[in-house]
N, C-alpha and C. Protein backbone atom coordinates (compact mmCIF):
# COMPACT_ATOMS: atom_id res chain seq x y z
N MET A 1 100.74 60.18 56.74
CA MET A 1 99.51 61.04 57.36
C MET A 1 98.77 62.22 56.74
N SER A 2 97.99 62.37 56.80
CA SER A 2 97.24 63.73 56.05
C SER A 2 97.29 64.88 56.86
N THR A 3 97.44 65.81 56.44
CA THR A 3 97.48 67.49 56.66
C THR A 3 96.44 67.00 57.79
N TRP A 4 95.53 67.23 57.61
CA TRP A 4 94.02 67.36 58.59
C TRP A 4 94.71 66.67 60.15
N LYS A 5 95.45 65.60 59.81
CA LYS A 5 95.48 64.58 60.87
C LYS A 5 96.85 65.27 61.56
N MET A 6 97.78 65.66 60.98
CA MET A 6 99.13 66.00 61.30
C MET A 6 98.92 67.95 62.03
N LYS A 7 97.65 68.57 61.75
CA LYS A 7 97.34 69.78 62.08
C LYS A 7 96.54 69.17 63.57
N LYS A 8 95.42 68.12 63.61
CA LYS A 8 94.79 67.90 65.07
C LYS A 8 95.96 67.49 66.10
N ALA A 9 97.45 66.41 65.65
CA ALA A 9 97.90 66.27 66.69
C ALA A 9 98.79 67.80 67.11
N PHE A 10 99.06 68.21 66.50
CA PHE A 10 99.78 69.42 66.40
C PHE A 10 99.29 70.14 67.27
N ILE A 11 97.57 70.40 67.53
CA ILE A 11 96.79 71.11 68.34
C ILE A 11 96.39 70.37 69.67
N ILE A 12 96.44 69.26 69.84
CA ILE A 12 96.05 68.35 70.71
C ILE A 12 97.72 68.79 71.97
N GLY A 13 98.69 68.10 71.01
CA GLY A 13 99.79 68.64 71.66
C GLY A 13 100.35 69.74 72.58
N LEU A 14 100.06 70.71 71.14
CA LEU A 14 100.16 72.28 72.09
C LEU A 14 99.32 72.75 73.54
N CYS A 15 97.87 71.96 73.18
CA CYS A 15 96.70 72.34 74.18
C CYS A 15 97.43 71.66 75.38
N THR A 16 97.99 70.30 75.61
CA THR A 16 98.85 69.68 76.33
C THR A 16 99.65 70.72 76.86
N PHE A 17 100.52 70.51 76.54
CA PHE A 17 101.88 71.59 76.87
C PHE A 17 101.27 72.74 77.77
N ILE A 18 100.32 73.70 77.40
CA ILE A 18 100.03 74.88 77.86
C ILE A 18 99.32 74.37 79.36
N LEU A 19 98.62 73.39 78.94
CA LEU A 19 97.73 72.76 80.41
C LEU A 19 98.75 72.39 81.59
N THR A 20 99.70 71.64 81.07
CA THR A 20 100.49 71.03 81.96
C THR A 20 101.24 72.38 82.71
N GLY A 21 101.36 72.97 81.72
CA GLY A 21 102.14 74.00 82.18
C GLY A 21 101.31 75.44 83.23
N CYS A 22 100.16 75.19 83.33
CA CYS A 22 99.43 75.90 84.05
C CYS A 22 99.49 75.46 85.51
N ASN A 23 99.89 73.90 85.51
CA ASN A 23 99.44 73.12 86.70
C ASN A 23 100.95 73.04 87.33
N ALA A 24 102.09 73.52 86.77
CA ALA A 24 103.74 73.05 86.96
C ALA A 24 103.55 73.96 88.50
N LYS A 25 104.18 73.52 89.45
CA LYS A 25 104.53 73.81 90.69
C LYS A 25 105.78 74.59 90.87
N THR A 26 106.10 75.77 91.18
CA THR A 26 107.62 75.93 91.33
C THR A 26 107.50 76.57 92.88
N ASP A 27 109.29 76.81 92.96
CA ASP A 27 109.35 77.37 94.61
C ASP A 27 108.99 78.96 94.37
N GLU A 28 107.61 79.62 93.99
CA GLU A 28 107.46 80.50 93.48
C GLU A 28 106.78 80.93 94.81
N LYS A 29 105.99 79.41 95.32
CA LYS A 29 105.32 79.64 96.57
C LYS A 29 105.57 79.92 97.89
N ASP A 30 106.88 79.32 98.36
CA ASP A 30 107.81 80.38 99.32
C ASP A 30 108.14 81.55 99.13
N THR A 31 108.39 81.82 98.71
CA THR A 31 108.89 83.28 98.01
C THR A 31 107.63 84.16 98.34
N ASP A 32 106.41 83.64 97.98
CA ASP A 32 105.19 84.59 98.19
C ASP A 32 105.23 84.85 99.46
N LYS A 33 104.97 83.53 100.17
CA LYS A 33 104.71 83.53 101.71
C LYS A 33 105.65 84.54 102.37
N LYS A 34 106.83 84.44 102.26
CA LYS A 34 108.05 85.04 102.73
C LYS A 34 107.56 86.74 102.34
N ASP A 35 107.30 87.08 101.22
CA ASP A 35 107.18 88.51 100.77
C ASP A 35 106.01 89.55 101.58
N ILE A 36 104.73 88.12 101.44
CA ILE A 36 103.68 88.31 102.30
C ILE A 36 103.82 88.39 103.72
N ARG A 37 104.82 88.06 104.84
CA ARG A 37 105.19 87.87 106.09
C ARG A 37 105.75 89.70 105.63
N ASN A 38 106.56 89.75 105.29
CA ASN A 38 107.42 90.65 105.17
C ASN A 38 106.50 92.21 104.97
N PHE A 39 105.46 92.21 104.18
CA PHE A 39 104.29 93.34 104.23
C PHE A 39 103.89 93.02 105.07
N GLN A 40 103.34 92.54 105.82
CA GLN A 40 102.19 92.35 106.85
C GLN A 40 103.30 93.05 108.11
N THR A 41 104.98 92.22 108.55
CA THR A 41 105.30 93.22 109.37
C THR A 41 105.42 94.19 109.32
N ASN A 42 105.61 95.00 108.53
CA ASN A 42 106.11 96.44 107.52
C ASN A 42 105.00 97.19 108.37
N ILE A 43 103.75 96.73 107.64
CA ILE A 43 102.52 97.39 108.18
C ILE A 43 102.08 97.47 109.02
N ALA A 44 102.36 95.92 110.21
CA ALA A 44 102.30 96.49 111.53
C ALA A 44 102.90 96.98 111.97
N GLY A 45 104.37 97.30 111.99
CA GLY A 45 105.17 98.42 112.39
C GLY A 45 104.98 99.77 111.78
N GLU A 46 104.52 100.23 110.86
CA GLU A 46 104.06 101.26 110.27
C GLU A 46 102.51 101.55 111.30
N LYS A 47 101.85 101.03 111.30
CA LYS A 47 100.63 101.42 112.36
C LYS A 47 101.03 101.80 113.55
N THR A 48 101.54 100.35 114.25
CA THR A 48 101.80 100.97 115.67
C THR A 48 102.65 102.13 115.84
N GLY A 49 103.90 102.58 114.98
CA GLY A 49 104.34 103.82 115.24
C GLY A 49 103.50 105.01 114.93
N LYS A 50 102.10 104.69 114.21
CA LYS A 50 101.48 105.89 113.84
C LYS A 50 100.99 106.11 115.06
N GLU A 51 100.65 105.41 115.38
CA GLU A 51 99.80 105.31 116.57
C GLU A 51 100.52 105.75 117.73
N ASN A 52 102.02 105.55 118.34
CA ASN A 52 102.68 106.30 119.10
C ASN A 52 102.76 107.49 118.89
N ASP A 53 103.20 107.76 118.07
CA ASP A 53 103.58 109.23 117.03
C ASP A 53 102.78 109.93 117.99
N ASN A 54 101.94 110.29 117.69
CA ASN A 54 100.63 111.28 118.49
C ASN A 54 99.17 110.78 118.56
N ASN A 55 98.55 110.89 119.54
CA ASN A 55 96.82 110.63 119.44
C ASN A 55 96.28 111.65 118.63
N GLU A 56 96.73 112.66 118.19
CA GLU A 56 95.70 113.23 117.14
C GLU A 56 95.26 112.56 116.08
N ASN A 57 96.19 111.80 115.21
CA ASN A 57 95.58 110.86 113.69
C ASN A 57 94.73 109.51 114.60
N LYS A 58 94.58 109.50 116.06
CA LYS A 58 93.81 108.31 116.58
C LYS A 58 92.48 109.16 116.14
N ASN A 59 92.09 110.52 116.79
CA ASN A 59 91.32 111.39 117.17
C ASN A 59 90.47 111.59 115.95
N SER A 60 91.54 111.84 115.38
CA SER A 60 91.17 112.52 113.88
C SER A 60 90.44 111.41 112.86
N GLY A 61 90.98 110.18 112.94
CA GLY A 61 90.43 108.62 112.59
C GLY A 61 88.63 108.00 113.57
N ASN A 62 88.75 108.86 114.17
CA ASN A 62 87.09 109.14 114.94
C ASN A 62 86.00 109.44 114.51
N ASP A 63 86.98 111.06 114.10
CA ASP A 63 86.03 111.62 113.72
C ASP A 63 85.94 111.19 112.28
N LYS A 64 86.78 110.61 111.57
CA LYS A 64 86.32 110.99 109.90
C LYS A 64 85.42 109.59 110.47
N ALA A 65 85.36 108.35 111.16
CA ALA A 65 84.13 107.84 111.12
C ALA A 65 82.57 108.36 111.20
N LYS A 66 82.77 109.25 111.86
CA LYS A 66 81.27 109.53 112.07
C LYS A 66 80.77 110.70 110.93
N ASN A 67 82.13 110.62 109.84
CA ASN A 67 81.08 111.67 108.97
C ASN A 67 81.19 111.28 107.57
N ILE A 68 81.27 109.56 107.48
CA ILE A 68 81.47 108.05 106.38
C ILE A 68 79.98 108.27 105.46
N GLU A 69 78.79 108.83 106.48
CA GLU A 69 77.35 108.14 105.22
C GLU A 69 77.46 109.42 104.16
N GLY A 70 76.95 108.80 103.35
CA GLY A 70 76.18 109.59 102.27
C GLY A 70 77.71 108.58 101.02
N ASN A 71 77.83 109.57 100.16
CA ASN A 71 78.46 109.49 99.02
C ASN A 71 80.33 110.04 99.09
N MET A 72 81.04 109.49 98.82
CA MET A 72 82.48 109.26 99.22
C MET A 72 83.46 108.73 97.80
N ASN A 73 84.20 109.59 97.93
CA ASN A 73 85.39 108.77 97.13
C ASN A 73 86.07 107.71 97.72
N ALA A 74 85.92 106.13 96.88
CA ALA A 74 86.35 105.18 97.52
C ALA A 74 87.90 105.33 97.53
N ASP A 75 88.71 105.79 96.88
CA ASP A 75 89.85 105.58 96.35
C ASP A 75 90.70 105.88 98.17
N SER A 76 89.96 107.11 98.80
CA SER A 76 89.82 107.52 100.14
C SER A 76 89.93 106.67 101.08
N LEU A 77 88.91 105.95 101.11
CA LEU A 77 88.36 104.85 101.79
C LEU A 77 89.60 103.22 101.83
N TYR A 78 90.31 103.47 100.66
CA TYR A 78 91.69 102.46 100.10
C TYR A 78 92.79 102.98 101.43
N GLU A 79 92.67 104.00 101.30
CA GLU A 79 94.53 105.10 101.79
C GLU A 79 94.11 104.81 102.67
N SER A 80 93.05 105.09 103.79
CA SER A 80 93.43 105.54 104.86
C SER A 80 92.76 104.33 105.74
N ALA A 81 92.78 102.90 104.99
CA ALA A 81 92.93 102.00 105.63
C ALA A 81 93.39 101.07 106.55
N ASP A 82 93.59 100.81 107.87
CA ASP A 82 94.47 99.96 108.28
C ASP A 82 95.05 98.69 107.65
N LEU A 83 93.70 98.04 106.95
CA LEU A 83 94.35 96.87 106.15
C LEU A 83 92.36 96.31 105.25
N THR A 84 92.53 95.98 104.29
CA THR A 84 92.18 95.16 103.34
C THR A 84 92.04 93.70 102.86
N GLY A 85 91.40 93.50 102.92
CA GLY A 85 91.04 91.69 102.20
C GLY A 85 89.93 91.29 102.44
N ARG A 86 89.78 89.61 102.51
CA ARG A 86 88.50 89.14 102.51
C ARG A 86 88.50 88.08 103.51
N VAL A 87 87.19 87.98 103.53
CA VAL A 87 86.61 86.96 105.06
C VAL A 87 86.58 85.82 104.76
N VAL A 88 87.61 85.13 105.96
CA VAL A 88 87.60 83.52 105.59
C VAL A 88 87.34 82.49 106.28
N ASN A 89 86.89 83.55 107.15
CA ASN A 89 86.27 82.58 108.69
C ASN A 89 85.68 83.12 109.60
N PHE A 90 85.42 83.22 110.71
CA PHE A 90 84.50 83.84 111.85
C PHE A 90 84.71 83.43 113.06
N SER A 91 84.87 83.82 114.19
CA SER A 91 85.03 83.37 115.36
C SER A 91 83.59 84.15 116.49
N ASP A 92 83.89 83.89 117.65
CA ASP A 92 82.38 84.48 118.45
C ASP A 92 83.34 85.72 118.80
N SER A 93 84.33 86.26 118.62
CA SER A 93 84.51 87.58 119.00
C SER A 93 85.09 88.51 117.92
N GLY A 94 85.04 87.81 116.21
CA GLY A 94 85.55 88.46 115.18
C GLY A 94 85.70 87.40 113.82
N CYS A 95 86.74 87.77 113.03
CA CYS A 95 86.52 87.19 111.99
C CYS A 95 88.00 87.18 111.41
N THR A 96 88.81 86.27 110.48
CA THR A 96 90.26 86.10 109.91
C THR A 96 89.78 86.68 107.97
N ILE A 97 90.27 87.26 108.36
CA ILE A 97 90.90 87.48 106.37
C ILE A 97 91.81 87.49 105.71
N THR A 98 91.63 87.47 104.76
CA THR A 98 92.95 86.92 104.53
C THR A 98 93.91 88.49 103.51
N PRO A 99 94.43 89.07 103.43
CA PRO A 99 94.66 90.06 103.36
C PRO A 99 95.38 90.26 101.54
N ASP A 100 94.85 91.65 101.42
CA ASP A 100 95.46 92.27 100.40
C ASP A 100 96.65 92.29 99.87
N ILE A 101 96.86 92.17 99.14
CA ILE A 101 98.67 93.15 98.57
C ILE A 101 98.86 93.53 97.74
N ALA A 102 99.29 94.76 98.16
CA ALA A 102 99.54 95.60 96.03
C ALA A 102 100.89 95.05 95.88
N GLY A 103 100.53 95.21 94.66
CA GLY A 103 101.64 94.70 93.30
C GLY A 103 102.99 95.62 93.58
N ASP A 104 103.94 95.31 92.38
CA ASP A 104 105.05 96.02 92.10
C ASP A 104 105.17 97.13 92.23
N ASP A 105 104.01 97.50 90.68
CA ASP A 105 103.62 98.62 90.44
C ASP A 105 102.83 99.62 91.69
N GLY A 106 102.17 98.79 93.00
CA GLY A 106 101.56 99.86 93.30
C GLY A 106 100.22 100.38 93.31
N LYS A 107 99.70 99.54 91.99
CA LYS A 107 98.53 100.29 91.37
C LYS A 107 97.47 98.89 91.65
N THR A 108 98.18 97.62 91.16
CA THR A 108 96.92 96.54 91.55
C THR A 108 97.23 96.14 92.97
N VAL A 109 96.14 95.13 93.40
CA VAL A 109 95.91 94.88 94.77
C VAL A 109 95.53 93.12 94.01
N MET A 110 96.46 92.03 95.22
CA MET A 110 95.70 91.01 94.97
C MET A 110 95.75 90.14 95.85
N GLY A 111 95.10 89.09 96.07
CA GLY A 111 94.51 88.35 97.07
C GLY A 111 94.21 86.92 97.17
N ALA A 112 94.54 86.37 97.87
CA ALA A 112 94.55 84.70 97.53
C ALA A 112 93.14 84.57 97.13
N ALA A 113 92.97 83.21 96.17
CA ALA A 113 91.97 82.70 95.50
C ALA A 113 91.03 82.16 96.62
N PRO A 114 89.86 82.41 96.90
CA PRO A 114 89.53 80.99 97.78
C PRO A 114 89.41 79.71 97.57
N GLY A 115 89.78 78.87 98.58
CA GLY A 115 90.48 78.06 99.30
C GLY A 115 91.43 77.78 99.51
N TYR A 116 93.00 79.02 98.83
CA TYR A 116 93.70 78.59 98.39
C TYR A 116 94.63 79.97 99.77
N GLU A 117 93.67 80.24 100.74
CA GLU A 117 94.38 81.38 101.47
C GLU A 117 95.00 80.69 102.68
N SER A 118 96.28 81.20 102.97
CA SER A 118 97.13 80.73 103.61
C SER A 118 97.18 80.96 105.42
N GLU A 119 97.14 79.76 106.28
CA GLU A 119 96.96 80.40 107.59
C GLU A 119 97.98 81.12 108.08
N GLU A 120 99.31 81.50 107.44
CA GLU A 120 100.39 82.14 107.86
C GLU A 120 99.98 83.21 107.77
N THR A 121 99.25 83.49 106.41
CA THR A 121 99.52 84.65 106.49
C THR A 121 98.03 86.10 106.58
N ASN A 122 96.59 84.87 107.07
CA ASN A 122 95.77 85.34 107.58
C ASN A 122 95.86 86.61 108.70
N ILE A 123 95.25 87.19 109.14
CA ILE A 123 94.59 88.00 110.16
C ILE A 123 93.53 87.79 110.76
N SER A 124 93.57 88.16 112.29
CA SER A 124 92.09 87.54 113.03
C SER A 124 91.89 89.23 113.44
N ILE A 125 91.18 89.20 113.26
CA ILE A 125 89.95 90.53 113.40
C ILE A 125 88.99 90.50 114.35
N SER A 126 89.39 91.56 115.56
CA SER A 126 88.89 91.21 116.39
C SER A 126 87.58 92.23 117.24
N TYR A 127 86.05 92.34 116.38
CA TYR A 127 85.28 93.57 116.95
C TYR A 127 85.41 94.41 118.16
N GLN A 128 85.81 95.43 118.18
CA GLN A 128 85.74 96.07 119.46
C GLN A 128 84.47 96.78 119.76
N GLU A 129 84.23 96.79 121.16
CA GLU A 129 82.46 97.05 121.39
C GLU A 129 82.07 97.72 120.95
N ASN A 130 82.25 99.17 120.37
CA ASN A 130 81.36 100.04 119.58
C ASN A 130 81.95 100.26 117.90
N CYS A 131 82.71 99.08 117.80
CA CYS A 131 82.67 98.69 116.15
C CYS A 131 81.65 99.36 115.63
N GLU A 132 82.10 100.29 114.04
CA GLU A 132 81.04 100.52 113.45
C GLU A 132 81.26 99.63 111.97
N VAL A 133 80.04 99.06 111.38
CA VAL A 133 79.65 98.56 110.22
C VAL A 133 79.09 99.21 109.17
N TRP A 134 80.01 99.57 107.84
CA TRP A 134 79.19 100.27 107.39
C TRP A 134 79.39 99.17 105.60
N ILE A 135 78.40 99.72 104.64
CA ILE A 135 78.39 98.78 103.39
C ILE A 135 78.63 99.80 102.38
N ALA A 136 79.54 99.74 101.77
CA ALA A 136 80.35 100.84 100.63
C ALA A 136 79.88 100.58 99.34
N THR A 137 78.75 100.80 98.54
CA THR A 137 78.45 100.29 97.34
C THR A 137 79.59 101.09 96.33
N ILE A 138 80.26 100.59 95.73
CA ILE A 138 81.00 101.43 95.12
C ILE A 138 80.91 101.16 93.78
N GLN A 139 80.60 101.99 92.88
CA GLN A 139 80.48 102.47 91.19
C GLN A 139 82.11 102.71 90.79
N ILE A 140 82.31 101.20 89.87
CA ILE A 140 83.42 100.92 89.15
C ILE A 140 83.72 101.84 88.69
N SER A 141 82.93 102.70 87.53
CA SER A 141 83.35 103.61 86.44
C SER A 141 83.51 105.24 87.11
N SER A 142 82.64 105.52 88.21
CA SER A 142 82.91 106.51 88.73
C SER A 142 83.94 106.45 90.02
N GLY A 143 84.68 105.47 90.37
CA GLY A 143 85.02 105.48 92.18
C GLY A 143 84.23 105.93 93.27
N MET A 144 82.80 106.32 92.77
CA MET A 144 82.01 106.70 93.89
C MET A 144 81.61 105.72 94.92
N ALA A 145 81.56 105.81 95.97
CA ALA A 145 81.14 104.65 97.33
C ALA A 145 80.03 105.60 97.68
N LYS A 146 78.73 105.07 97.89
CA LYS A 146 77.53 105.00 98.64
C LYS A 146 77.73 104.50 100.16
N MET A 147 77.72 105.15 100.97
CA MET A 147 77.88 104.85 102.57
C MET A 147 76.63 104.68 103.24
N GLU A 148 76.24 102.73 103.79
CA GLU A 148 75.03 102.98 104.48
C GLU A 148 75.23 101.94 105.63
N GLN A 149 74.76 102.31 106.67
CA GLN A 149 75.22 101.82 107.96
C GLN A 149 74.84 100.03 108.01
N ALA A 150 75.75 99.55 108.69
CA ALA A 150 75.66 98.18 108.64
C ALA A 150 75.40 97.38 109.80
N SER A 151 75.05 96.11 110.59
CA SER A 151 75.56 95.07 111.45
C SER A 151 76.37 94.63 111.16
N VAL A 152 77.38 94.03 112.23
CA VAL A 152 78.20 92.84 112.11
C VAL A 152 77.66 91.75 111.46
N LEU A 153 76.10 91.35 111.90
CA LEU A 153 75.44 90.43 110.69
C LEU A 153 75.71 90.42 109.22
N ASP A 154 76.26 91.55 108.54
CA ASP A 154 76.14 91.77 107.13
C ASP A 154 77.20 91.42 106.58
N ILE A 155 78.29 90.81 108.13
CA ILE A 155 79.65 90.23 107.24
C ILE A 155 79.45 89.26 106.64
N LYS A 156 79.40 88.92 105.45
CA LYS A 156 79.72 87.19 105.01
C LYS A 156 80.57 86.60 104.59
N LYS A 157 81.24 85.51 104.68
CA LYS A 157 82.41 84.46 103.79
C LYS A 157 82.56 85.44 102.26
N GLN A 158 83.86 85.27 102.22
CA GLN A 158 84.57 85.95 100.99
C GLN A 158 83.74 87.41 100.76
N SER A 159 83.36 88.02 101.51
CA SER A 159 83.26 89.59 101.42
C SER A 159 84.24 90.34 101.66
N SER A 160 84.47 91.47 100.51
CA SER A 160 85.42 92.37 100.69
C SER A 160 85.35 93.44 101.61
N VAL A 161 86.42 93.52 102.45
CA VAL A 161 86.30 94.33 103.69
C VAL A 161 87.53 95.29 103.89
N ILE A 162 87.55 96.18 104.42
CA ILE A 162 88.58 97.37 104.83
C ILE A 162 88.57 97.23 106.19
N VAL A 163 89.50 97.34 106.60
CA VAL A 163 89.53 97.27 108.30
C VAL A 163 90.23 98.67 108.94
N TYR A 164 89.64 99.41 110.04
CA TYR A 164 90.39 100.35 110.33
C TYR A 164 90.39 99.83 111.98
N GLY A 165 91.67 100.10 113.04
CA GLY A 165 91.45 99.55 113.72
C GLY A 165 93.34 99.92 114.68
N SER A 166 93.56 99.15 115.15
CA SER A 166 95.26 98.91 115.91
C SER A 166 95.31 97.50 115.94
N PHE A 167 96.79 97.35 114.90
CA PHE A 167 97.00 96.51 115.29
C PHE A 167 97.97 95.59 116.70
N GLU A 168 97.42 94.93 117.26
CA GLU A 168 97.75 94.58 118.41
C GLU A 168 99.26 93.42 118.52
N ASP A 169 99.02 92.96 117.50
CA ASP A 169 100.25 92.20 116.97
C ASP A 169 100.25 92.07 115.54
N GLU A 170 101.18 91.46 114.74
CA GLU A 170 101.13 91.47 113.46
C GLU A 170 100.44 90.62 112.67
N ARG A 171 99.72 89.83 113.53
CA ARG A 171 98.29 88.95 113.24
C ARG A 171 97.44 89.31 113.56
N HIS A 172 97.03 90.38 114.46
CA HIS A 172 95.71 90.33 115.31
C HIS A 172 95.52 91.95 115.24
N ILE A 173 94.01 92.24 114.89
CA ILE A 173 93.90 93.50 114.62
C ILE A 173 92.28 93.86 115.25
N ALA A 174 92.66 95.08 116.54
CA ALA A 174 91.47 95.25 117.08
C ALA A 174 90.50 96.30 116.18
N ALA A 175 89.50 95.74 115.47
CA ALA A 175 88.70 96.75 114.63
C ALA A 175 87.78 97.82 115.01
N GLU A 176 88.33 99.20 115.01
CA GLU A 176 87.22 100.08 115.14
C GLU A 176 86.36 100.53 114.08
N ARG A 177 86.33 99.90 112.97
CA ARG A 177 85.38 100.23 112.43
C ARG A 177 85.57 99.32 111.06
N ILE A 178 84.55 98.59 110.16
CA ILE A 178 85.09 97.65 108.63
C ILE A 178 83.52 98.04 107.96
N ILE A 179 84.20 98.32 106.64
CA ILE A 179 83.61 98.72 105.38
C ILE A 179 83.48 97.06 105.15
N ILE A 180 82.37 97.13 104.67
CA ILE A 180 82.03 95.66 103.57
C ILE A 180 81.46 96.92 102.66
N CYS A 181 82.61 95.79 100.89
CA CYS A 181 82.88 96.67 99.59
C CYS A 181 81.79 95.89 99.07
N HIS A 182 80.98 96.63 97.99
CA HIS A 182 80.56 95.83 96.95
C HIS A 182 80.84 96.64 95.83
N HIS A 183 81.47 96.16 94.87
CA HIS A 183 81.51 97.00 93.25
C HIS A 183 80.11 96.65 92.62
N VAL A 184 79.70 97.47 91.94
CA VAL A 184 78.70 97.34 90.76
C VAL A 184 79.33 98.33 89.74
N ASN A 185 78.42 97.42 88.50
CA ASN A 185 79.19 97.92 86.74
C ASN A 185 78.12 99.40 86.80
N SER A 186 77.12 99.54 86.89
CA SER A 186 76.58 101.11 86.69
C SER A 186 75.65 101.76 88.13
C-alpha cells in the first residue's frame, strides 16, 4: 500500500472516530436533569424566602423598574433577575422559557440548544396585569445596555429574556417585568 493511501485511510479513520464520539450517548443527560431540578428548586426557595423576609425588597424592585430607561450596566440587570432564559413556547397568559444554568465556575451561563429543551426543566411565565416589557440592546464590548420600552408582542420564540417577578412554585413565575436582550458587537 502506498504512503498516500495509508495517510488517507488514517485520516478517514480518525474523522470517523471523532464523529462517532460526538454522537455518543452517556448517562450525563440524567445527571444534568437532576442538577437543573436542584438548581431551580434552590432558586425557587431563595426567591420565596427573600420575599417573605421583608416587603422592602419588593418595593425597591418596583422602584428600580421605574428607573431603568436609558443606559445602564447589563451585569446589574442579570444580577438582580429572578430568572434568565430563552422563550420556547407561548400561551394565552404568558410564555414558557428554558432557564439558563450557571456553570461550575460561576462565570459562564449555559442553556439548552434550540430543539433540545426539556419539559421537566422549563418554567412557565405568566404576565401580571401591569407587567412591564423592555428591550435591552447590550453592547458586548462595553457591557452597557440601552433600554427601550416595549410590549408583550415583542417577545418572540428563542428570545433571550430576563424575568423579574415572584415564584408561585418551582416551575411558575408571575412576571412583573420582562427584559428582552439583544446582544450587539459594536
